[in-house]
C-alpha atoms as a PDB file:
ATOM      1  CA  MET A   1     -42.363  12.156   4.792  1.00  0.00           C
ATOM      2  CA  ASN A   2     -40.148  15.260   5.089  1.00  0.00           C
ATOM      3  CA  LEU A   3     -37.326  14.607   2.649  1.00  0.00           C
ATOM      4  CA  SER A   4     -35.029  16.865   4.674  1.00  0.00           C
ATOM      5  CA  THR A   5     -35.390  14.862   7.890  1.00  0.00           C
ATOM      6  CA  PRO A   6     -31.964  13.596   8.949  1.00  0.00           C
ATOM      7  CA  PRO A   7     -31.559   9.821   9.132  1.00  0.00           C
ATOM      8  CA  THR A   8     -31.326   8.140  12.487  1.00  0.00           C
ATOM      9  CA  ASP A   9     -28.068   6.309  11.768  1.00  0.00           C
ATOM     10  CA  THR A  10     -24.655   7.954  11.991  1.00  0.00           C
ATOM     11  CA  SER A  11     -23.175   6.921   8.651  1.00  0.00           C
ATOM     12  CA  ARG A  12     -22.576   9.808   6.277  1.00  0.00           C
ATOM     13  CA  PRO A  13     -23.269   9.349   2.565  1.00  0.00           C
ATOM     14  CA  ASP A  14     -20.566   9.759  -0.045  1.00  0.00           C
ATOM     15  CA  PHE A  15     -20.480  13.024  -1.957  1.00  0.00           C
ATOM     16  CA  GLY A  16     -19.875  13.070  -5.700  1.00  0.00           C
ATOM     17  CA  VAL A  17     -19.849  15.556  -8.552  1.00  0.00           C
ATOM     18  CA  ILE A  18     -20.786  15.233 -12.224  1.00  0.00           C
ATOM     19  CA  ILE A  19     -19.420  17.859 -14.605  1.00  0.00           C
ATOM     20  CA  VAL A  20     -21.220  18.056 -17.951  1.00  0.00           C
ATOM     21  CA  GLY A  21     -20.074  19.649 -21.182  1.00  0.00           C
ATOM     22  CA  ASP A  22     -18.160  19.058 -24.401  1.00  0.00           C
ATOM     23  CA  GLU A  23     -16.274  22.298 -23.780  1.00  0.00           C
ATOM     24  CA  ILE A  24     -14.562  20.736 -20.754  1.00  0.00           C
ATOM     25  CA  LEU A  25     -13.581  17.510 -22.487  1.00  0.00           C
ATOM     26  CA  SER A  26     -12.360  19.339 -25.603  1.00  0.00           C
ATOM     27  CA  GLY A  27     -10.206  21.708 -23.571  1.00  0.00           C
ATOM     28  CA  LYS A  28     -12.011  24.854 -24.753  1.00  0.00           C
ATOM     29  CA  ARG A  29     -12.733  25.624 -21.112  1.00  0.00           C
ATOM     30  CA  ALA A  30     -10.886  24.545 -18.008  1.00  0.00           C
ATOM     31  CA  ASP A  31     -13.019  22.939 -15.321  1.00  0.00           C
ATOM     32  CA  LYS A  32     -13.202  24.994 -12.126  1.00  0.00           C
ATOM     33  CA  HIS A  33     -15.952  23.046 -10.374  1.00  0.00           C
ATOM     34  CA  LEU A  34     -13.913  20.126  -9.062  1.00  0.00           C
ATOM     35  CA  THR A  35     -11.514  22.150  -6.927  1.00  0.00           C
ATOM     36  CA  LYS A  36     -14.329  24.413  -5.699  1.00  0.00           C
ATOM     37  CA  VAL A  37     -16.583  21.519  -4.665  1.00  0.00           C
ATOM     38  CA  ILE A  38     -13.633  19.992  -2.794  1.00  0.00           C
ATOM     39  CA  GLU A  39     -13.130  23.366  -1.076  1.00  0.00           C
ATOM     40  CA  LEU A  40     -16.823  23.808  -0.178  1.00  0.00           C
ATOM     41  CA  LEU A  41     -17.029  20.303   1.262  1.00  0.00           C
ATOM     42  CA  GLY A  42     -13.703  20.618   3.069  1.00  0.00           C
ATOM     43  CA  ALA A  43     -14.809  23.831   4.776  1.00  0.00           C
ATOM     44  CA  ARG A  44     -17.615  21.769   6.316  1.00  0.00           C
ATOM     45  CA  GLY A  45     -15.470  18.819   7.350  1.00  0.00           C
ATOM     46  CA  LEU A  46     -16.647  16.728   4.397  1.00  0.00           C
ATOM     47  CA  SER A  47     -14.807  15.250   1.437  1.00  0.00           C
ATOM     48  CA  LEU A  48     -15.473  14.382  -2.186  1.00  0.00           C
ATOM     49  CA  ALA A  49     -15.577  10.656  -2.958  1.00  0.00           C
ATOM     50  CA  TYR A  50     -15.543  10.848  -6.769  1.00  0.00           C
ATOM     51  CA  ALA A  51     -15.991  13.001  -9.870  1.00  0.00           C
ATOM     52  CA  ASP A  52     -17.433  12.087 -13.273  1.00  0.00           C
ATOM     53  CA  TYR A  53     -16.892  14.078 -16.459  1.00  0.00           C
ATOM     54  CA  VAL A  54     -19.315  13.588 -19.332  1.00  0.00           C
ATOM     55  CA  GLY A  55     -19.775  15.341 -22.666  1.00  0.00           C
ATOM     56  CA  ASP A  56     -23.010  16.495 -24.253  1.00  0.00           C
ATOM     57  CA  SER A  57     -24.158  13.002 -25.200  1.00  0.00           C
ATOM     58  CA  PRO A  58     -27.724  12.339 -23.993  1.00  0.00           C
ATOM     59  CA  GLU A  59     -27.062   8.596 -23.744  1.00  0.00           C
ATOM     60  CA  ARG A  60     -23.947   9.048 -21.606  1.00  0.00           C
ATOM     61  CA  ILE A  61     -25.539  11.726 -19.429  1.00  0.00           C
ATOM     62  CA  THR A  62     -28.580   9.522 -18.807  1.00  0.00           C
ATOM     63  CA  HIS A  63     -26.380   6.534 -17.939  1.00  0.00           C
ATOM     64  CA  THR A  64     -24.253   8.649 -15.579  1.00  0.00           C
ATOM     65  CA  LEU A  65     -27.308  10.120 -13.855  1.00  0.00           C
ATOM     66  CA  LYS A  66     -29.007   6.751 -13.482  1.00  0.00           C
ATOM     67  CA  ARG A  67     -25.910   5.446 -11.750  1.00  0.00           C
ATOM     68  CA  ALA A  68     -25.920   8.500  -9.472  1.00  0.00           C
ATOM     69  CA  PHE A  69     -29.598   8.067  -8.573  1.00  0.00           C
ATOM     70  CA  ASP A  70     -29.047   4.393  -7.797  1.00  0.00           C
ATOM     71  CA  SER A  71     -25.925   4.999  -5.705  1.00  0.00           C
ATOM     72  CA  GLY A  72     -27.450   6.321  -2.490  1.00  0.00           C
ATOM     73  CA  ASP A  73     -24.905   9.165  -2.650  1.00  0.00           C
ATOM     74  CA  ILE A  74     -25.282  12.944  -2.554  1.00  0.00           C
ATOM     75  CA  VAL A  75     -24.271  14.146  -6.014  1.00  0.00           C
ATOM     76  CA  PHE A  76     -23.924  17.601  -7.555  1.00  0.00           C
ATOM     77  CA  SER A  77     -24.389  17.856 -11.328  1.00  0.00           C
ATOM     78  CA  CYS A  78     -22.924  20.987 -12.904  1.00  0.00           C
ATOM     79  CA  GLY A  79     -23.931  22.130 -16.381  1.00  0.00           C
ATOM     80  CA  GLY A  80     -26.349  21.411 -19.184  1.00  0.00           C
ATOM     81  CA  ILE A  81     -29.580  22.649 -17.561  1.00  0.00           C
ATOM     82  CA  GLY A  82     -30.173  25.558 -19.922  1.00  0.00           C
ATOM     83  CA  ALA A  83     -32.613  25.646 -22.834  1.00  0.00           C
ATOM     84  CA  THR A  84     -30.332  25.564 -25.878  1.00  0.00           C
ATOM     85  CA  PRO A  85     -30.100  22.528 -28.191  1.00  0.00           C
ATOM     86  CA  ASP A  86     -26.849  21.330 -26.593  1.00  0.00           C
ATOM     87  CA  ASP A  87     -28.350  21.310 -23.080  1.00  0.00           C
ATOM     88  CA  HIS A  88     -29.604  17.815 -22.292  1.00  0.00           C
ATOM     89  CA  THR A  89     -29.285  17.389 -18.531  1.00  0.00           C
ATOM     90  CA  ARG A  90     -32.893  18.157 -17.577  1.00  0.00           C
ATOM     91  CA  GLN A  91     -34.247  15.724 -20.165  1.00  0.00           C
ATOM     92  CA  CYS A  92     -31.702  13.057 -19.222  1.00  0.00           C
ATOM     93  CA  ALA A  93     -32.580  13.374 -15.533  1.00  0.00           C
ATOM     94  CA  ALA A  94     -36.235  12.746 -16.356  1.00  0.00           C
ATOM     95  CA  LYS A  95     -35.309   9.741 -18.473  1.00  0.00           C
ATOM     96  CA  ALA A  96     -33.030   8.328 -15.779  1.00  0.00           C
ATOM     97  CA  LEU A  97     -35.900   8.595 -13.285  1.00  0.00           C
ATOM     98  CA  ASP A  98     -38.578   7.497 -15.775  1.00  0.00           C
ATOM     99  CA  GLN A  99     -40.535  10.661 -15.018  1.00  0.00           C
ATOM    100  CA  ALA A 100     -42.340  13.227 -17.135  1.00  0.00           C
ATOM    101  CA  LEU A 101     -40.890  16.688 -17.710  1.00  0.00           C
ATOM    102  CA  VAL A 102     -43.174  19.443 -16.399  1.00  0.00           C
ATOM    103  CA  LEU A 103     -42.945  23.190 -15.907  1.00  0.00           C
ATOM    104  CA  HIS A 104     -42.312  23.620 -12.178  1.00  0.00           C
ATOM    105  CA  PRO A 105     -44.763  26.273 -10.911  1.00  0.00           C
ATOM    106  CA  GLN A 106     -42.285  27.973  -8.576  1.00  0.00           C
ATOM    107  CA  ALA A 107     -39.601  27.906 -11.255  1.00  0.00           C
ATOM    108  CA  GLU A 108     -42.039  29.548 -13.663  1.00  0.00           C
ATOM    109  CA  LEU A 109     -42.685  32.371 -11.219  1.00  0.00           C
ATOM    110  CA  LEU A 110     -38.966  32.944 -10.684  1.00  0.00           C
ATOM    111  CA  ILE A 111     -38.185  32.898 -14.402  1.00  0.00           C
ATOM    112  CA  ARG A 112     -41.008  35.348 -15.105  1.00  0.00           C
ATOM    113  CA  GLU A 113     -39.654  37.592 -12.326  1.00  0.00           C
ATOM    114  CA  ARG A 114     -36.266  37.495 -14.002  1.00  0.00           C
ATOM    115  CA  MET A 115     -37.761  38.391 -17.380  1.00  0.00           C
ATOM    116  CA  GLN A 116     -39.567  41.345 -15.817  1.00  0.00           C
ATOM    117  CA  ASP A 117     -36.354  42.475 -14.123  1.00  0.00           C
ATOM    118  CA  VAL A 118     -34.467  42.365 -17.433  1.00  0.00           C
ATOM    119  CA  ALA A 119     -37.206  44.296 -19.234  1.00  0.00           C
ATOM    120  CA  LYS A 120     -37.148  46.955 -16.512  1.00  0.00           C
ATOM    121  CA  GLU A 121     -33.341  47.204 -16.690  1.00  0.00           C
ATOM    122  CA  GLN A 122     -33.547  47.655 -20.467  1.00  0.00           C
ATOM    123  CA  GLY A 123     -36.381  50.160 -20.241  1.00  0.00           C
ATOM    124  CA  VAL A 124     -38.730  48.088 -22.401  1.00  0.00           C
ATOM    125  CA  PRO A 125     -42.163  46.603 -21.623  1.00  0.00           C
ATOM    126  CA  TYR A 126     -42.342  43.022 -20.390  1.00  0.00           C
ATOM    127  CA  GLU A 127     -44.026  40.891 -23.044  1.00  0.00           C
ATOM    128  CA  PRO A 128     -44.870  37.520 -21.475  1.00  0.00           C
ATOM    129  CA  HIS A 129     -46.202  36.023 -24.714  1.00  0.00           C
ATOM    130  CA  ARG A 130     -43.229  36.973 -26.843  1.00  0.00           C
ATOM    131  CA  GLU A 131     -41.692  33.875 -28.431  1.00  0.00           C
ATOM    132  CA  ASP A 132     -38.263  34.185 -26.783  1.00  0.00           C
ATOM    133  CA  ASN A 133     -39.828  34.712 -23.356  1.00  0.00           C
ATOM    134  CA  ILE A 134     -41.996  31.630 -23.753  1.00  0.00           C
ATOM    135  CA  HIS A 135     -38.866  29.680 -24.736  1.00  0.00           C
ATOM    136  CA  ARG A 136     -37.079  30.837 -21.577  1.00  0.00           C
ATOM    137  CA  LEU A 137     -39.685  29.016 -19.500  1.00  0.00           C
ATOM    138  CA  ASN A 138     -38.074  25.770 -20.678  1.00  0.00           C
ATOM    139  CA  MET A 139     -35.362  26.461 -18.098  1.00  0.00           C
ATOM    140  CA  GLY A 140     -37.996  25.630 -15.473  1.00  0.00           C
ATOM    141  CA  VAL A 141     -39.100  22.359 -17.067  1.00  0.00           C
ATOM    142  CA  PHE A 142     -37.856  19.691 -14.669  1.00  0.00           C
ATOM    143  CA  PRO A 143     -38.598  16.043 -13.851  1.00  0.00           C
ATOM    144  CA  GLN A 144     -41.978  15.799 -12.155  1.00  0.00           C
ATOM    145  CA  SER A 145     -40.621  15.173  -8.635  1.00  0.00           C
ATOM    146  CA  ALA A 146     -38.100  18.039  -8.704  1.00  0.00           C
ATOM    147  CA  GLN A 147     -37.589  20.551  -5.922  1.00  0.00           C
ATOM    148  CA  ILE A 148     -35.994  23.863  -6.840  1.00  0.00           C
ATOM    149  CA  ILE A 149     -32.593  25.205  -5.797  1.00  0.00           C
ATOM    150  CA  PRO A 150     -32.643  29.021  -5.537  1.00  0.00           C
ATOM    151  CA  ASN A 151     -30.207  30.977  -7.679  1.00  0.00           C
ATOM    152  CA  PRO A 152     -29.114  34.217  -5.974  1.00  0.00           C
ATOM    153  CA  TYR A 153     -27.383  35.492  -9.119  1.00  0.00           C
ATOM    154  CA  ASN A 154     -30.270  35.761 -11.575  1.00  0.00           C
ATOM    155  CA  LYS A 155     -33.217  33.846 -10.007  1.00  0.00           C
ATOM    156  CA  ILE A 156     -33.186  31.071 -12.674  1.00  0.00           C
ATOM    157  CA  PRO A 157     -33.367  28.034 -10.371  1.00  0.00           C
ATOM    158  CA  GLY A 158     -31.616  24.720 -10.369  1.00  0.00           C
ATOM    159  CA  PHE A 159     -33.352  21.617  -9.120  1.00  0.00           C
ATOM    160  CA  THR A 160     -33.003  18.554  -6.928  1.00  0.00           C
ATOM    161  CA  CYS A 161     -34.313  15.067  -7.675  1.00  0.00           C
ATOM    162  CA  VAL A 162     -34.456  12.049  -5.396  1.00  0.00           C
ATOM    163  CA  SER A 163     -34.565   8.500  -6.676  1.00  0.00           C
ATOM    164  CA  PRO A 164     -37.819   6.649  -5.872  1.00  0.00           C
ATOM    165  CA  GLY A 165     -37.655   5.027  -2.454  1.00  0.00           C
ATOM    166  CA  ARG A 166     -34.870   7.328  -1.253  1.00  0.00           C
ATOM    167  CA  THR A 167     -34.681  10.694   0.509  1.00  0.00           C
ATOM    168  CA  LEU A 168     -32.470  13.759   0.331  1.00  0.00           C
ATOM    169  CA  GLN A 169     -30.305  12.048   2.936  1.00  0.00           C
ATOM    170  CA  THR A 170     -30.026   8.650   1.291  1.00  0.00           C
ATOM    171  CA  GLY A 171     -29.553   9.536  -2.353  1.00  0.00           C
ATOM    172  CA  ALA A 172     -30.162  12.736  -4.293  1.00  0.00           C
ATOM    173  CA  VAL A 173     -28.781  14.576  -7.295  1.00  0.00           C
ATOM    174  CA  HIS A 174     -28.638  18.366  -7.168  1.00  0.00           C
ATOM    175  CA  PHE A 175     -28.554  20.097 -10.559  1.00  0.00           C
ATOM    176  CA  VAL A 176     -26.917  23.515 -10.939  1.00  0.00           C
ATOM    177  CA  PRO A 177     -25.788  25.587 -13.950  1.00  0.00           C
ATOM    178  CA  GLY A 178     -22.344  25.333 -15.448  1.00  0.00           C
ATOM    179  CA  PHE A 179     -21.535  28.975 -14.655  1.00  0.00           C
ATOM    180  CA  PRO A 180     -19.426  29.085 -11.448  1.00  0.00           C
ATOM    181  CA  VAL A 181     -20.891  32.448 -10.357  1.00  0.00           C
ATOM    182  CA  MET A 182     -24.283  30.722 -10.126  1.00  0.00           C
ATOM    183  CA  ALA A 183     -23.340  27.135  -9.347  1.00  0.00           C
ATOM    184  CA  TRP A 184     -21.112  27.655  -6.333  1.00  0.00           C
ATOM    185  CA  PRO A 185     -23.519  29.641  -4.106  1.00  0.00           C
ATOM    186  CA  MET A 186     -26.262  27.190  -5.089  1.00  0.00           C
ATOM    187  CA  ILE A 187     -24.110  24.230  -3.976  1.00  0.00           C
ATOM    188  CA  GLU A 188     -23.395  26.035  -0.711  1.00  0.00           C
ATOM    189  CA  TRP A 189     -27.131  26.564  -0.198  1.00  0.00           C
ATOM    190  CA  VAL A 190     -27.811  22.861  -0.723  1.00  0.00           C
ATOM    191  CA  LEU A 191     -25.103  21.837   1.734  1.00  0.00           C
ATOM    192  CA  ASP A 192     -26.125  24.322   4.424  1.00  0.00           C
ATOM    193  CA  THR A 193     -29.872  23.733   3.999  1.00  0.00           C
ATOM    194  CA  HIS A 194     -29.983  19.955   3.784  1.00  0.00           C
ATOM    195  CA  TYR A 195     -26.745  18.495   5.129  1.00  0.00           C
ATOM    196  CA  GLY A 196     -25.669  20.572   8.109  1.00  0.00           C
ATOM    197  CA  HIS A 197     -26.108  17.570  10.416  1.00  0.00           C
ATOM    198  CA  TRP A 198     -23.300  15.824   8.521  1.00  0.00           C
ATOM    199  CA  PHE A 199     -20.803  18.643   9.030  1.00  0.00           C
ATOM    200  CA  GLN A 200     -17.793  17.685  11.114  1.00  0.00           C
ATOM    201  CA  LYS A 201     -17.731  19.956  14.131  1.00  0.00           C
ATOM    202  CA  ALA A 202     -14.463  18.594  15.519  1.00  0.00           C
ATOM    203  CA  ALA A 203     -11.118  19.994  14.433  1.00  0.00           C
ATOM    204  CA  TRP A 204      -9.165  18.161  11.751  1.00  0.00           C
ATOM    205  CA  LEU A 205      -5.429  17.609  11.442  1.00  0.00           C
ATOM    206  CA  GLU A 206      -3.083  16.091   8.885  1.00  0.00           C
ATOM    207  CA  LYS A 207       0.565  15.223   9.568  1.00  0.00           C
ATOM    208  CA  SER A 208       2.932  13.749   7.024  1.00  0.00           C
ATOM    209  CA  VAL A 209       6.592  13.282   6.238  1.00  0.00           C
ATOM    210  CA  ILE A 210       8.635  13.015   3.038  1.00  0.00           C
ATOM    211  CA  VAL A 211      10.087   9.510   2.648  1.00  0.00           C
ATOM    212  CA  TYR A 212      12.978   9.007   0.232  1.00  0.00           C
ATOM    213  CA  GLY A 213      13.924   5.804  -1.535  1.00  0.00           C
ATOM    214  CA  ALA A 214      10.981   3.657  -0.425  1.00  0.00           C
ATOM    215  CA  MET A 215       8.391   1.747  -2.405  1.00  0.00           C
ATOM    216  CA  GLU A 216       4.669   1.944  -1.535  1.00  0.00           C
ATOM    217  CA  ALA A 217       4.403  -1.836  -1.446  1.00  0.00           C
ATOM    218  CA  ALA A 218       7.072  -1.966   1.251  1.00  0.00           C
ATOM    219  CA  LEU A 219       5.251   0.649   3.338  1.00  0.00           C
ATOM    220  CA  THR A 220       1.826  -1.000   3.023  1.00  0.00           C
ATOM    221  CA  PRO A 221       2.165  -3.271   6.127  1.00  0.00           C
ATOM    222  CA  LEU A 222       2.996  -0.221   8.265  1.00  0.00           C
ATOM    223  CA  MET A 223      -0.006   1.656   6.849  1.00  0.00           C
ATOM    224  CA  GLU A 224      -2.330  -1.279   7.564  1.00  0.00           C
ATOM    225  CA  THR A 225      -0.994  -1.627  11.109  1.00  0.00           C
ATOM    226  CA  LEU A 226      -1.511   2.077  11.821  1.00  0.00           C
ATOM    227  CA  GLU A 227      -5.145   2.005  10.682  1.00  0.00           C
ATOM    228  CA  THR A 228      -5.791  -1.132  12.744  1.00  0.00           C
ATOM    229  CA  GLN A 229      -4.164   0.209  15.906  1.00  0.00           C
ATOM    230  CA  HIS A 230      -5.558   3.752  15.561  1.00  0.00           C
ATOM    231  CA  PRO A 231      -9.249   3.550  14.578  1.00  0.00           C
ATOM    232  CA  GLY A 232     -10.606   6.739  13.046  1.00  0.00           C
ATOM    233  CA  VAL A 233      -7.276   7.750  11.534  1.00  0.00           C
ATOM    234  CA  LYS A 234      -6.803   7.577   7.782  1.00  0.00           C
ATOM    235  CA  VAL A 235      -3.314   6.768   6.506  1.00  0.00           C
ATOM    236  CA  PHE A 236      -2.320   8.065   3.062  1.00  0.00           C
ATOM    237  CA  SER A 237       0.646   7.879   0.708  1.00  0.00           C
ATOM    238  CA  LEU A 238       1.292  10.253  -2.185  1.00  0.00           C
ATOM    239  CA  PRO A 239       4.141   9.075  -4.425  1.00  0.00           C
ATOM    240  CA  SER A 240       6.004  11.457  -6.732  1.00  0.00           C
ATOM    241  CA  VAL A 241       8.637  10.624  -9.341  1.00  0.00           C
ATOM    242  CA  ASP A 242       9.769  14.079 -10.495  1.00  0.00           C
ATOM    243  CA  HIS A 243       9.144  16.594  -7.717  1.00  0.00           C
ATOM    244  CA  PRO A 244      11.235  19.760  -8.369  1.00  0.00           C
ATOM    245  CA  GLU A 245      12.562  19.852  -4.782  1.00  0.00           C
ATOM    246  CA  HIS A 246      12.391  16.293  -3.418  1.00  0.00           C
ATOM    247  CA  GLY A 247      12.729  14.250  -6.588  1.00  0.00           C
ATOM    248  CA  ARG A 248      11.427  10.694  -6.287  1.00  0.00           C
ATOM    249  CA  HIS A 249       9.710  10.304  -2.917  1.00  0.00           C
ATOM    250  CA  ILE A 250       6.539   9.336  -1.037  1.00  0.00           C
ATOM    251  CA  GLU A 251       4.610  11.687   1.219  1.00  0.00           C
ATOM    252  CA  LEU A 252       3.340   9.387   3.970  1.00  0.00           C
ATOM    253  CA  GLY A 253       0.895  10.719   6.518  1.00  0.00           C
ATOM    254  CA  VAL A 254      -2.101  10.365   8.790  1.00  0.00           C
ATOM    255  CA  LYS A 255      -5.219  12.542   9.025  1.00  0.00           C
ATOM    256  CA  GLY A 256      -8.287  12.820  11.195  1.00  0.00           C
ATOM    257  CA  GLU A 257      -9.210  14.240  14.602  1.00  0.00           C
ATOM    258  CA  PRO A 258      -6.198  15.954  16.228  1.00  0.00           C
ATOM    259  CA  ASP A 259      -5.989  13.703  19.302  1.00  0.00           C
ATOM    260  CA  LYS A 260      -6.041  10.576  17.169  1.00  0.00           C
ATOM    261  CA  VAL A 261      -3.535  11.963  14.673  1.00  0.00           C
ATOM    262  CA  ASN A 262      -1.183  13.068  17.451  1.00  0.00           C
ATOM    263  CA  ALA A 263      -1.228   9.502  18.790  1.00  0.00           C
ATOM    264  CA  ALA A 264      -0.791   7.812  15.415  1.00  0.00           C
ATOM    265  CA  TYR A 265       1.896  10.052  13.934  1.00  0.00           C
ATOM    266  CA  PRO A 266       4.715   9.149  16.382  1.00  0.00           C
ATOM    267  CA  ALA A 267       3.859   5.489  15.830  1.00  0.00           C
ATOM    268  CA  MET A 268       4.200   6.041  12.091  1.00  0.00           C
ATOM    269  CA  LEU A 269       7.586   7.723  12.500  1.00  0.00           C
ATOM    270  CA  ALA A 270       8.763   4.908  14.771  1.00  0.00           C
ATOM    271  CA  GLY A 271       7.698   2.363  12.167  1.00  0.00           C
ATOM    272  CA  LEU A 272       9.600   4.262   9.480  1.00  0.00           C
ATOM    273  CA  HIS A 273      12.749   4.321  11.611  1.00  0.00           C
ATOM    274  CA  VAL A 274      12.490   0.559  12.139  1.00  0.00           C
ATOM    275  CA  PHE A 275      12.105   0.254   8.378  1.00  0.00           C
ATOM    276  CA  GLY A 276      15.295   2.270   7.934  1.00  0.00           C
ATOM    277  CA  ALA A 277      13.665   4.891   5.750  1.00  0.00           C
ATOM    278  CA  LYS A 278      15.404   8.146   4.926  1.00  0.00           C
ATOM    279  CA  LEU A 279      13.104  10.967   6.010  1.00  0.00           C
ATOM    280  CA  GLY A 280      12.776  14.529   4.819  1.00  0.00           C
ATOM    281  CA  PRO A 281      10.630  17.487   5.896  1.00  0.00           C
ATOM    282  CA  GLU A 282       7.545  16.990   8.025  1.00  0.00           C
ATOM    283  CA  LEU A 283       4.267  18.671   6.980  1.00  0.00           C
ATOM    284  CA  VAL A 284       1.286  19.749   9.082  1.00  0.00           C
ATOM    285  CA  ARG A 285      -2.096  20.865   7.722  1.00  0.00           C
ATOM    286  CA  SER A 286      -5.241  21.718   9.648  1.00  0.00           C
END
């Protein structure tokens, strides 16, 4: 079976991200992956369903990856695929899948190419049997079923694994480095290579209004009615208690295809007027 073959049904999978590293949880480094993954998905009409953060604990990483493999979702895992003692993601992926770790032949070729490039740049001979060069090949040791993800920055590949019984379309984890300069183009490659059929071609629109002095619980019946009467539109509320301009308020809105949003938004405003809500500025995003 071609693992890239699109499914015949029309339901899109959820997209998730796992961000690995003690340096993120300790605050030594600020995570940049979450906002970028949201941006990359959003540019393709997709959205992120969830994000998991996990430190450099093999047990926790394995548990998190097993849950991802079992989920049926499309998940990106950022970080921990190097070959230093604090990099555990490759080993944990193999354990989560109950697979052996093996040197991927294509990854080996790419890593050797990179080593030759570095030697040439430094003006020294390439020594394939030198101890540090042999160690670098560990960066291409992946779970047995892995497929590589090309790395346009320095050729050291990432990898993709699919849970047994699933396909790239019905549950896969894509492993990329923690370095944004490498990870982000690799995530884009995965999306554009394997998931283009899920991209939303239609335009997208979001309309909302600032509502003062209301409680979310009181607005819930209106939100439920809007979603029932306007299928395909998603209603959202974003409460704030200390906004510098609007103070305590709720941003209430609808989002989806423009025609559907343009039909639902006046109905939402009418419902708010019946409710007697005090309204502020209206917001439009597309």
